[in-house]
Amino acid sequence: MIAGYLSESILGKAAASGRFEVRVHDMRSHGVGRHLQTDDYPFGGGQGMVLRPEPVVETLEELGVPAPGARVVLLSPGGETFRQDAARRFAGMERLVLVCGRYEGVDERVGEWVDEELSIGDYVMTGGELAALVVIDATARLLPGVLGNEASHAEESFEEGLLEFPQYTRPRDFRGRSVPEVLLSGDHGRIERWRREKAVRRTLERRPDLLAGRDLPPDLKVLVQRVAQALEAERASPGIPPSSDDRGGPPGGGPAPEE
């Protein structure tokens, strides 16, 4: 599962060129008894099976961790939510060890060999392999040389704590729906202002939690307040048009400010 995904597309090319390396280790090789058992019934009763500590800990010991420069992360529904700042942090590390949980979870005592627990969302899957792939993908693409355009991820969602602005490509008109005029203007200043405002608006509408409690740069703070006021006005009067038109003007209409 892991090797197949990482052999394709951008990550496959980057791995083949030595930009990063992923090694998969099967904990079953450290299973217990002649059947190499890796799970067992939970003490105290209950449904499902629990991953035993021996296969996990012995696999980690075989890998030589804990060790300086290595970070051990357990993928678990009970962990902190994986976010872009964690991907950036992992991208600066020498070695990352991802432990994929399974069944009803991992024996609690394994936590002594783990540096942190992460979850990719509030839902339950059959195993941590897909979660590990999410972490690997989000982290690897931040490494030097992995993406064709090194500047591309700087404008992506979450890099500034904002969702990404709306994107358009050809054709200019699709079934009566046109690309916003500002994106065809060639005026890079207007385009940048439009995109930034749209990113703020989209974040406030869909993921306001990304901005809650953050210490924002002064210019972004002003823009957030302005867009938030415009959204409140629209909600109070549903019949009024959106506060920012597709020509890149500021909330409330009017010409865009000069550079």
C-alpha atoms as a PDB file:
ATOM      1  CA  MET A   1       0.000   0.000   0.000  1.00  0.00           C
ATOM      2  CA  ILE A   2       2.703   2.501   1.027  1.00  0.00           C
ATOM      3  CA  ALA A   3       5.225   1.583  -1.669  1.00  0.00           C
ATOM      4  CA  GLY A   4       2.624   1.646  -4.441  1.00  0.00           C
ATOM      5  CA  TYR A   5       1.476   5.188  -3.707  1.00  0.00           C
ATOM      6  CA  LEU A   6       4.994   6.547  -3.247  1.00  0.00           C
ATOM      7  CA  SER A   7       6.178   5.112  -6.564  1.00  0.00           C
ATOM      8  CA  GLU A   8       3.853   7.325  -8.595  1.00  0.00           C
ATOM      9  CA  SER A   9       3.773  10.920  -9.848  1.00  0.00           C
ATOM     10  CA  ILE A  10       5.737  13.738  -8.181  1.00  0.00           C
ATOM     11  CA  LEU A  11       6.657  11.824  -5.036  1.00  0.00           C
ATOM     12  CA  GLY A  12       7.747   8.792  -7.048  1.00  0.00           C
ATOM     13  CA  LYS A  13      10.125  10.881  -9.144  1.00  0.00           C
ATOM     14  CA  ALA A  14      11.472  12.675  -6.072  1.00  0.00           C
ATOM     15  CA  ALA A  15      12.087   9.412  -4.218  1.00  0.00           C
ATOM     16  CA  ALA A  16      13.783   7.889  -7.257  1.00  0.00           C
ATOM     17  CA  SER A  17      16.110  10.878  -7.475  1.00  0.00           C
ATOM     18  CA  GLY A  18      17.046  10.596  -3.798  1.00  0.00           C
ATOM     19  CA  ARG A  19      15.186  13.676  -2.509  1.00  0.00           C
ATOM     20  CA  PHE A  20      13.781  11.543   0.294  1.00  0.00           C
ATOM     21  CA  GLU A  21      13.578   7.901   1.299  1.00  0.00           C
ATOM     22  CA  VAL A  22      10.767   5.858   2.828  1.00  0.00           C
ATOM     23  CA  ARG A  23      11.287   2.411   4.322  1.00  0.00           C
ATOM     24  CA  VAL A  24       8.386   0.156   5.286  1.00  0.00           C
ATOM     25  CA  HIS A  25       8.777  -2.260   8.218  1.00  0.00           C
ATOM     26  CA  ASP A  26       6.301  -5.034   8.980  1.00  0.00           C
ATOM     27  CA  MET A  27       5.719  -5.334  12.742  1.00  0.00           C
ATOM     28  CA  ARG A  28       4.445  -8.854  12.208  1.00  0.00           C
ATOM     29  CA  SER A  29       8.053 -10.033  12.044  1.00  0.00           C
ATOM     30  CA  HIS A  30       8.099  -9.330  15.788  1.00  0.00           C
ATOM     31  CA  GLY A  31       4.770 -11.005  16.460  1.00  0.00           C
ATOM     32  CA  VAL A  32       4.306 -13.318  19.416  1.00  0.00           C
ATOM     33  CA  GLY A  33       4.287 -17.131  19.189  1.00  0.00           C
ATOM     34  CA  ARG A  34       4.412 -19.409  16.212  1.00  0.00           C
ATOM     35  CA  HIS A  35       1.538 -17.531  14.560  1.00  0.00           C
ATOM     36  CA  LEU A  36       3.354 -14.191  14.987  1.00  0.00           C
ATOM     37  CA  GLN A  37       0.374 -12.679  16.772  1.00  0.00           C
ATOM     38  CA  THR A  38       0.337  -8.871  16.848  1.00  0.00           C
ATOM     39  CA  ASP A  39      -3.016  -8.246  18.575  1.00  0.00           C
ATOM     40  CA  ASP A  40      -4.991  -9.550  21.525  1.00  0.00           C
ATOM     41  CA  TYR A  41      -8.209  -9.052  23.469  1.00  0.00           C
ATOM     42  CA  PRO A  42      -8.424  -5.967  25.710  1.00  0.00           C
ATOM     43  CA  PHE A  43      -8.117  -6.397  29.459  1.00  0.00           C
ATOM     44  CA  GLY A  44     -11.390  -5.493  31.142  1.00  0.00           C
ATOM     45  CA  GLY A  45     -13.443  -6.699  28.204  1.00  0.00           C
ATOM     46  CA  GLY A  46     -14.817  -4.836  25.262  1.00  0.00           C
ATOM     47  CA  GLN A  47     -15.146  -5.138  21.520  1.00  0.00           C
ATOM     48  CA  GLY A  48     -12.293  -5.536  19.058  1.00  0.00           C
ATOM     49  CA  MET A  49      -8.616  -6.264  19.405  1.00  0.00           C
ATOM     50  CA  VAL A  50      -5.691  -4.200  20.668  1.00  0.00           C
ATOM     51  CA  LEU A  51      -2.223  -4.074  19.099  1.00  0.00           C
ATOM     52  CA  ARG A  52       0.212  -5.727  21.508  1.00  0.00           C
ATOM     53  CA  PRO A  53       3.213  -3.747  22.761  1.00  0.00           C
ATOM     54  CA  GLU A  54       5.906  -6.285  21.842  1.00  0.00           C
ATOM     55  CA  PRO A  55       5.693  -6.007  18.024  1.00  0.00           C
ATOM     56  CA  VAL A  56       5.656  -2.215  18.155  1.00  0.00           C
ATOM     57  CA  VAL A  57       8.447  -1.713  20.666  1.00  0.00           C
ATOM     58  CA  GLU A  58      10.697  -4.418  19.233  1.00  0.00           C
ATOM     59  CA  THR A  59      10.330  -2.970  15.739  1.00  0.00           C
ATOM     60  CA  LEU A  60      11.290   0.465  17.064  1.00  0.00           C
ATOM     61  CA  GLU A  61      14.288  -1.030  18.852  1.00  0.00           C
ATOM     62  CA  GLU A  62      15.325  -2.791  15.656  1.00  0.00           C
ATOM     63  CA  LEU A  63      15.265   0.619  13.965  1.00  0.00           C
ATOM     64  CA  GLY A  64      17.511   2.046  16.662  1.00  0.00           C
ATOM     65  CA  VAL A  65      14.986   4.459  18.124  1.00  0.00           C
ATOM     66  CA  PRO A  66      14.716   6.436  20.247  1.00  0.00           C
ATOM     67  CA  ALA A  67      17.825   8.102  18.899  1.00  0.00           C
ATOM     68  CA  PRO A  68      19.082  11.667  18.326  1.00  0.00           C
ATOM     69  CA  GLY A  69      17.552  13.185  15.189  1.00  0.00           C
ATOM     70  CA  ALA A  70      14.677  10.682  15.038  1.00  0.00           C
ATOM     71  CA  ARG A  71      11.051  11.530  15.824  1.00  0.00           C
ATOM     72  CA  VAL A  72       8.602   8.709  16.563  1.00  0.00           C
ATOM     73  CA  VAL A  73       4.986   9.518  15.731  1.00  0.00           C
ATOM     74  CA  LEU A  74       2.030   7.236  16.421  1.00  0.00           C
ATOM     75  CA  LEU A  75      -0.920   7.667  14.043  1.00  0.00           C
ATOM     76  CA  SER A  76      -3.958   7.470  16.272  1.00  0.00           C
ATOM     77  CA  PRO A  77      -7.505   8.908  16.424  1.00  0.00           C
ATOM     78  CA  GLY A  78      -6.602  10.169  19.902  1.00  0.00           C
ATOM     79  CA  GLY A  79      -3.684  12.277  18.734  1.00  0.00           C
ATOM     80  CA  GLU A  80      -3.505  15.973  17.981  1.00  0.00           C
ATOM     81  CA  THR A  81      -4.813  16.960  14.566  1.00  0.00           C
ATOM     82  CA  PHE A  82      -2.149  16.932  11.865  1.00  0.00           C
ATOM     83  CA  ARG A  83      -1.740  20.398  10.373  1.00  0.00           C
ATOM     84  CA  GLN A  84       0.528  22.164   7.931  1.00  0.00           C
ATOM     85  CA  ASP A  85       2.803  23.492  10.666  1.00  0.00           C
ATOM     86  CA  ALA A  86       3.531  19.889  11.692  1.00  0.00           C
ATOM     87  CA  ALA A  87       4.415  19.051   8.081  1.00  0.00           C
ATOM     88  CA  ARG A  88       6.847  21.978   8.029  1.00  0.00           C
ATOM     89  CA  ARG A  89       8.354  20.810  11.308  1.00  0.00           C
ATOM     90  CA  PHE A  90       8.784  17.256  10.037  1.00  0.00           C
ATOM     91  CA  ALA A  91      10.337  18.495   6.788  1.00  0.00           C
ATOM     92  CA  GLY A  92      13.203  19.932   8.829  1.00  0.00           C
ATOM     93  CA  MET A  93      13.929  16.670  10.615  1.00  0.00           C
ATOM     94  CA  GLU A  94      16.593  14.150   9.760  1.00  0.00           C
ATOM     95  CA  ARG A  95      14.450  11.085  10.406  1.00  0.00           C
ATOM     96  CA  LEU A  96      10.743  10.499  10.977  1.00  0.00           C
ATOM     97  CA  VAL A  97       9.333   7.180  12.201  1.00  0.00           C
ATOM     98  CA  LEU A  98       5.584   6.716  11.703  1.00  0.00           C
ATOM     99  CA  VAL A  99       3.851   3.966  13.664  1.00  0.00           C
ATOM    100  CA  CYS A 100       0.579   2.827  12.113  1.00  0.00           C
ATOM    101  CA  GLY A 101      -2.029   1.823  14.654  1.00  0.00           C
ATOM    102  CA  ARG A 102      -4.662  -0.821  13.965  1.00  0.00           C
ATOM    103  CA  TYR A 103      -7.701  -2.521  15.420  1.00  0.00           C
ATOM    104  CA  GLU A 104      -9.111  -0.820  18.554  1.00  0.00           C
ATOM    105  CA  GLY A 105      -5.806   0.930  19.146  1.00  0.00           C
ATOM    106  CA  VAL A 106      -2.342   0.324  20.535  1.00  0.00           C
ATOM    107  CA  ASP A 107      -1.469  -0.842  24.032  1.00  0.00           C
ATOM    108  CA  GLU A 108      -1.115   2.315  26.126  1.00  0.00           C
ATOM    109  CA  ARG A 109       2.359   1.319  27.338  1.00  0.00           C
ATOM    110  CA  VAL A 110       3.752   1.856  23.837  1.00  0.00           C
ATOM    111  CA  GLY A 111       3.435   5.585  24.539  1.00  0.00           C
ATOM    112  CA  GLU A 112       6.733   5.511  26.433  1.00  0.00           C
ATOM    113  CA  TRP A 113       8.523   4.838  23.131  1.00  0.00           C
ATOM    114  CA  VAL A 114       6.590   7.477  21.192  1.00  0.00           C
ATOM    115  CA  ASP A 115       7.358  11.211  20.946  1.00  0.00           C
ATOM    116  CA  GLU A 116       3.880  12.332  19.868  1.00  0.00           C
ATOM    117  CA  GLU A 117       0.533  11.105  18.585  1.00  0.00           C
ATOM    118  CA  LEU A 118      -1.185  12.534  15.511  1.00  0.00           C
ATOM    119  CA  SER A 119      -4.603  12.152  13.936  1.00  0.00           C
ATOM    120  CA  ILE A 120      -5.569  13.192  10.411  1.00  0.00           C
ATOM    121  CA  GLY A 121      -9.174  13.862  11.393  1.00  0.00           C
ATOM    122  CA  ASP A 122     -12.147  13.031  13.541  1.00  0.00           C
ATOM    123  CA  TYR A 123     -13.064   9.706  12.001  1.00  0.00           C
ATOM    124  CA  VAL A 124     -11.962   6.086  12.332  1.00  0.00           C
ATOM    125  CA  MET A 125     -10.246   3.960   9.685  1.00  0.00           C
ATOM    126  CA  THR A 126      -9.191   0.324   9.663  1.00  0.00           C
ATOM    127  CA  GLY A 127      -5.519   1.171   9.992  1.00  0.00           C
ATOM    128  CA  GLY A 128      -2.956   3.951  10.154  1.00  0.00           C
ATOM    129  CA  GLU A 129      -1.369   3.304   6.750  1.00  0.00           C
ATOM    130  CA  LEU A 130      -3.444   5.905   4.919  1.00  0.00           C
ATOM    131  CA  ALA A 131      -2.806   8.384   7.714  1.00  0.00           C
ATOM    132  CA  ALA A 132       0.922   7.732   7.352  1.00  0.00           C
ATOM    133  CA  LEU A 133       0.686   8.404   3.618  1.00  0.00           C
ATOM    134  CA  VAL A 134      -1.027  11.720   4.316  1.00  0.00           C
ATOM    135  CA  VAL A 135       1.797  12.765   6.631  1.00  0.00           C
ATOM    136  CA  ILE A 136       4.473  11.575   4.203  1.00  0.00           C
ATOM    137  CA  ASP A 137       2.910  13.358   1.237  1.00  0.00           C
ATOM    138  CA  ALA A 138       2.362  16.647   3.077  1.00  0.00           C
ATOM    139  CA  THR A 139       5.900  16.563   4.478  1.00  0.00           C
ATOM    140  CA  ALA A 140       7.844  15.319   1.449  1.00  0.00           C
ATOM    141  CA  ARG A 141       6.479  17.991  -0.899  1.00  0.00           C
ATOM    142  CA  LEU A 142       8.057  20.640   1.352  1.00  0.00           C
ATOM    143  CA  LEU A 143      11.543  19.184   0.900  1.00  0.00           C
ATOM    144  CA  PRO A 144      13.921  21.001  -1.468  1.00  0.00           C
ATOM    145  CA  GLY A 145      13.694  19.770  -5.044  1.00  0.00           C
ATOM    146  CA  VAL A 146      10.513  17.713  -4.644  1.00  0.00           C
ATOM    147  CA  LEU A 147       8.192  20.185  -6.360  1.00  0.00           C
ATOM    148  CA  GLY A 148       9.062  21.528  -9.776  1.00  0.00           C
ATOM    149  CA  ASN A 149       8.350  25.096  -8.642  1.00  0.00           C
ATOM    150  CA  GLU A 150       9.890  25.778  -5.246  1.00  0.00           C
ATOM    151  CA  ALA A 151       7.660  28.815  -4.737  1.00  0.00           C
ATOM    152  CA  SER A 152       4.390  27.004  -5.430  1.00  0.00           C
ATOM    153  CA  HIS A 153       3.718  25.725  -1.918  1.00  0.00           C
ATOM    154  CA  ALA A 154       4.177  29.223  -0.484  1.00  0.00           C
ATOM    155  CA  GLU A 155       0.790  30.209  -1.962  1.00  0.00           C
ATOM    156  CA  GLU A 156      -1.076  27.058  -0.994  1.00  0.00           C
ATOM    157  CA  SER A 157      -3.760  26.629   1.611  1.00  0.00           C
ATOM    158  CA  PHE A 158      -2.650  26.898   5.239  1.00  0.00           C
ATOM    159  CA  GLU A 159       0.806  28.333   4.537  1.00  0.00           C
ATOM    160  CA  GLU A 160      -0.346  31.705   5.896  1.00  0.00           C
ATOM    161  CA  GLY A 161      -3.106  30.267   8.019  1.00  0.00           C
ATOM    162  CA  LEU A 162      -5.571  30.852   5.181  1.00  0.00           C
ATOM    163  CA  LEU A 163      -7.379  28.658   2.716  1.00  0.00           C
ATOM    164  CA  GLU A 164      -6.185  29.106  -0.839  1.00  0.00           C
ATOM    165  CA  PHE A 165      -7.863  31.641  -3.102  1.00  0.00           C
ATOM    166  CA  PRO A 166     -10.121  30.428  -5.974  1.00  0.00           C
ATOM    167  CA  GLN A 167      -8.266  29.089  -9.007  1.00  0.00           C
ATOM    168  CA  TYR A 168      -9.317  29.251 -12.669  1.00  0.00           C
ATOM    169  CA  THR A 169      -7.927  27.865 -15.926  1.00  0.00           C
ATOM    170  CA  ARG A 170      -9.028  27.548 -19.563  1.00  0.00           C
ATOM    171  CA  PRO A 171     -11.560  27.993 -21.061  1.00  0.00           C
ATOM    172  CA  ARG A 172     -12.332  31.614 -20.213  1.00  0.00           C
ATOM    173  CA  ASP A 173     -16.050  30.886 -20.447  1.00  0.00           C
ATOM    174  CA  PHE A 174     -17.551  27.585 -19.339  1.00  0.00           C
ATOM    175  CA  ARG A 175     -21.288  27.187 -19.862  1.00  0.00           C
ATOM    176  CA  GLY A 176     -21.905  30.858 -19.261  1.00  0.00           C
ATOM    177  CA  ARG A 177     -19.563  31.109 -16.277  1.00  0.00           C
ATOM    178  CA  SER A 178     -16.640  33.419 -16.965  1.00  0.00           C
ATOM    179  CA  VAL A 179     -13.234  33.757 -15.364  1.00  0.00           C
ATOM    180  CA  PRO A 180     -13.092  36.895 -13.172  1.00  0.00           C
ATOM    181  CA  GLU A 181     -11.901  39.841 -15.248  1.00  0.00           C
ATOM    182  CA  VAL A 182      -9.162  40.764 -12.786  1.00  0.00           C
ATOM    183  CA  LEU A 183      -7.304  37.508 -13.490  1.00  0.00           C
ATOM    184  CA  LEU A 184      -7.156  38.401 -17.188  1.00  0.00           C
ATOM    185  CA  SER A 185      -6.050  42.000 -16.620  1.00  0.00           C
ATOM    186  CA  GLY A 186      -2.309  41.409 -16.391  1.00  0.00           C
ATOM    187  CA  ASP A 187      -2.249  43.810 -13.422  1.00  0.00           C
ATOM    188  CA  HIS A 188      -0.290  41.773 -10.877  1.00  0.00           C
ATOM    189  CA  GLY A 189      -1.014  44.189  -8.044  1.00  0.00           C
ATOM    190  CA  ARG A 190      -4.773  43.916  -8.527  1.00  0.00           C
ATOM    191  CA  ILE A 191      -4.540  40.159  -8.921  1.00  0.00           C
ATOM    192  CA  GLU A 192      -2.589  39.812  -5.683  1.00  0.00           C
ATOM    193  CA  ARG A 193      -5.074  41.971  -3.772  1.00  0.00           C
ATOM    194  CA  TRP A 194      -8.023  40.013  -5.217  1.00  0.00           C
ATOM    195  CA  ARG A 195      -6.476  36.676  -4.339  1.00  0.00           C
ATOM    196  CA  ARG A 196      -5.587  37.702  -0.806  1.00  0.00           C
ATOM    197  CA  GLU A 197      -9.050  39.043  -0.138  1.00  0.00           C
ATOM    198  CA  LYS A 198     -10.702  35.952  -1.603  1.00  0.00           C
ATOM    199  CA  ALA A 199      -8.466  33.742   0.561  1.00  0.00           C
ATOM    200  CA  VAL A 200      -9.521  35.657   3.664  1.00  0.00           C
ATOM    201  CA  ARG A 201     -13.179  35.530   2.678  1.00  0.00           C
ATOM    202  CA  ARG A 202     -13.087  31.793   1.967  1.00  0.00           C
ATOM    203  CA  THR A 203     -11.321  31.134   5.285  1.00  0.00           C
ATOM    204  CA  LEU A 204     -13.839  33.170   7.271  1.00  0.00           C
ATOM    205  CA  GLU A 205     -16.736  31.424   5.540  1.00  0.00           C
ATOM    206  CA  ARG A 206     -15.442  27.856   5.685  1.00  0.00           C
ATOM    207  CA  ARG A 207     -12.709  27.569   8.330  1.00  0.00           C
ATOM    208  CA  PRO A 208     -12.861  30.498  10.768  1.00  0.00           C
ATOM    209  CA  ASP A 209     -11.059  28.307  13.302  1.00  0.00           C
ATOM    210  CA  LEU A 210      -7.849  28.809  11.312  1.00  0.00           C
ATOM    211  CA  LEU A 211      -7.851  32.502  12.241  1.00  0.00           C
ATOM    212  CA  ALA A 212      -9.269  32.302  15.756  1.00  0.00           C
ATOM    213  CA  GLY A 213      -6.747  33.409  18.363  1.00  0.00           C
ATOM    214  CA  ARG A 214      -3.916  33.886  15.864  1.00  0.00           C
ATOM    215  CA  ASP A 215      -1.477  36.779  16.132  1.00  0.00           C
ATOM    216  CA  LEU A 216      -1.953  38.189  12.632  1.00  0.00           C
ATOM    217  CA  PRO A 217       0.370  40.630  10.836  1.00  0.00           C
ATOM    218  CA  PRO A 218      -1.102  44.160  10.935  1.00  0.00           C
ATOM    219  CA  ASP A 219      -2.050  44.271   7.238  1.00  0.00           C
ATOM    220  CA  LEU A 220      -3.720  40.857   7.370  1.00  0.00           C
ATOM    221  CA  LYS A 221      -5.521  41.766  10.589  1.00  0.00           C
ATOM    222  CA  VAL A 222      -7.020  44.857   8.951  1.00  0.00           C
ATOM    223  CA  LEU A 223      -8.123  42.853   5.917  1.00  0.00           C
ATOM    224  CA  VAL A 224      -9.679  40.127   8.060  1.00  0.00           C
ATOM    225  CA  GLN A 225     -11.648  42.694  10.051  1.00  0.00           C
ATOM    226  CA  ARG A 226     -12.813  44.425   6.879  1.00  0.00           C
ATOM    227  CA  VAL A 227     -13.944  41.243   5.166  1.00  0.00           C
ATOM    228  CA  ALA A 228     -15.611  40.002   8.355  1.00  0.00           C
ATOM    229  CA  GLN A 229     -17.619  43.237   8.569  1.00  0.00           C
ATOM    230  CA  ALA A 230     -18.645  42.877   4.933  1.00  0.00           C
ATOM    231  CA  LEU A 231     -19.773  39.286   5.518  1.00  0.00           C
ATOM    232  CA  GLU A 232     -21.826  40.357   8.523  1.00  0.00           C
ATOM    233  CA  ALA A 233     -23.485  43.036   6.407  1.00  0.00           C
ATOM    234  CA  GLU A 234     -24.320  40.480   3.722  1.00  0.00           C
ATOM    235  CA  ARG A 235     -25.840  38.103   6.263  1.00  0.00           C
ATOM    236  CA  ALA A 236     -27.906  40.906   7.733  1.00  0.00           C
ATOM    237  CA  SER A 237     -29.159  41.897   4.275  1.00  0.00           C
ATOM    238  CA  PRO A 238     -29.198  38.755   2.087  1.00  0.00           C
ATOM    239  CA  GLY A 239     -30.298  40.705  -0.972  1.00  0.00           C
ATOM    240  CA  ILE A 240     -27.164  42.831  -1.243  1.00  0.00           C
ATOM    241  CA  PRO A 241     -24.381  41.696  -3.618  1.00  0.00           C
ATOM    242  CA  PRO A 242     -21.098  40.246  -2.326  1.00  0.00           C
ATOM    243  CA  SER A 243     -18.777  42.808  -0.766  1.00  0.00           C
ATOM    244  CA  SER A 244     -15.908  42.170  -3.152  1.00  0.00           C
ATOM    245  CA  ASP A 245     -16.515  41.969  -6.876  1.00  0.00           C
ATOM    246  CA  ASP A 246     -14.494  40.007  -9.390  1.00  0.00           C
ATOM    247  CA  ARG A 247     -12.548  43.090 -10.457  1.00  0.00           C
ATOM    248  CA  GLY A 248     -10.483  42.921  -7.291  1.00  0.00           C
ATOM    249  CA  GLY A 249     -11.973  45.854  -5.469  1.00  0.00           C
ATOM    250  CA  PRO A 250     -11.950  46.049  -1.684  1.00  0.00           C
ATOM    251  CA  PRO A 251     -14.931  45.000   0.469  1.00  0.00           C
ATOM    252  CA  GLY A 252     -17.807  47.400  -0.012  1.00  0.00           C
ATOM    253  CA  GLY A 253     -16.958  48.127  -3.641  1.00  0.00           C
ATOM    254  CA  GLY A 254     -15.044  51.073  -5.011  1.00  0.00           C
ATOM    255  CA  PRO A 255     -11.669  51.131  -6.721  1.00  0.00           C
ATOM    256  CA  ALA A 256      -8.814  49.014  -5.488  1.00  0.00           C
ATOM    257  CA  PRO A 257      -6.182  50.967  -3.525  1.00  0.00           C
ATOM    258  CA  GLU A 258      -3.094  52.109  -5.357  1.00  0.00           C
ATOM    259  CA  GLU A 259       0.113  50.149  -5.032  1.00  0.00           C
END
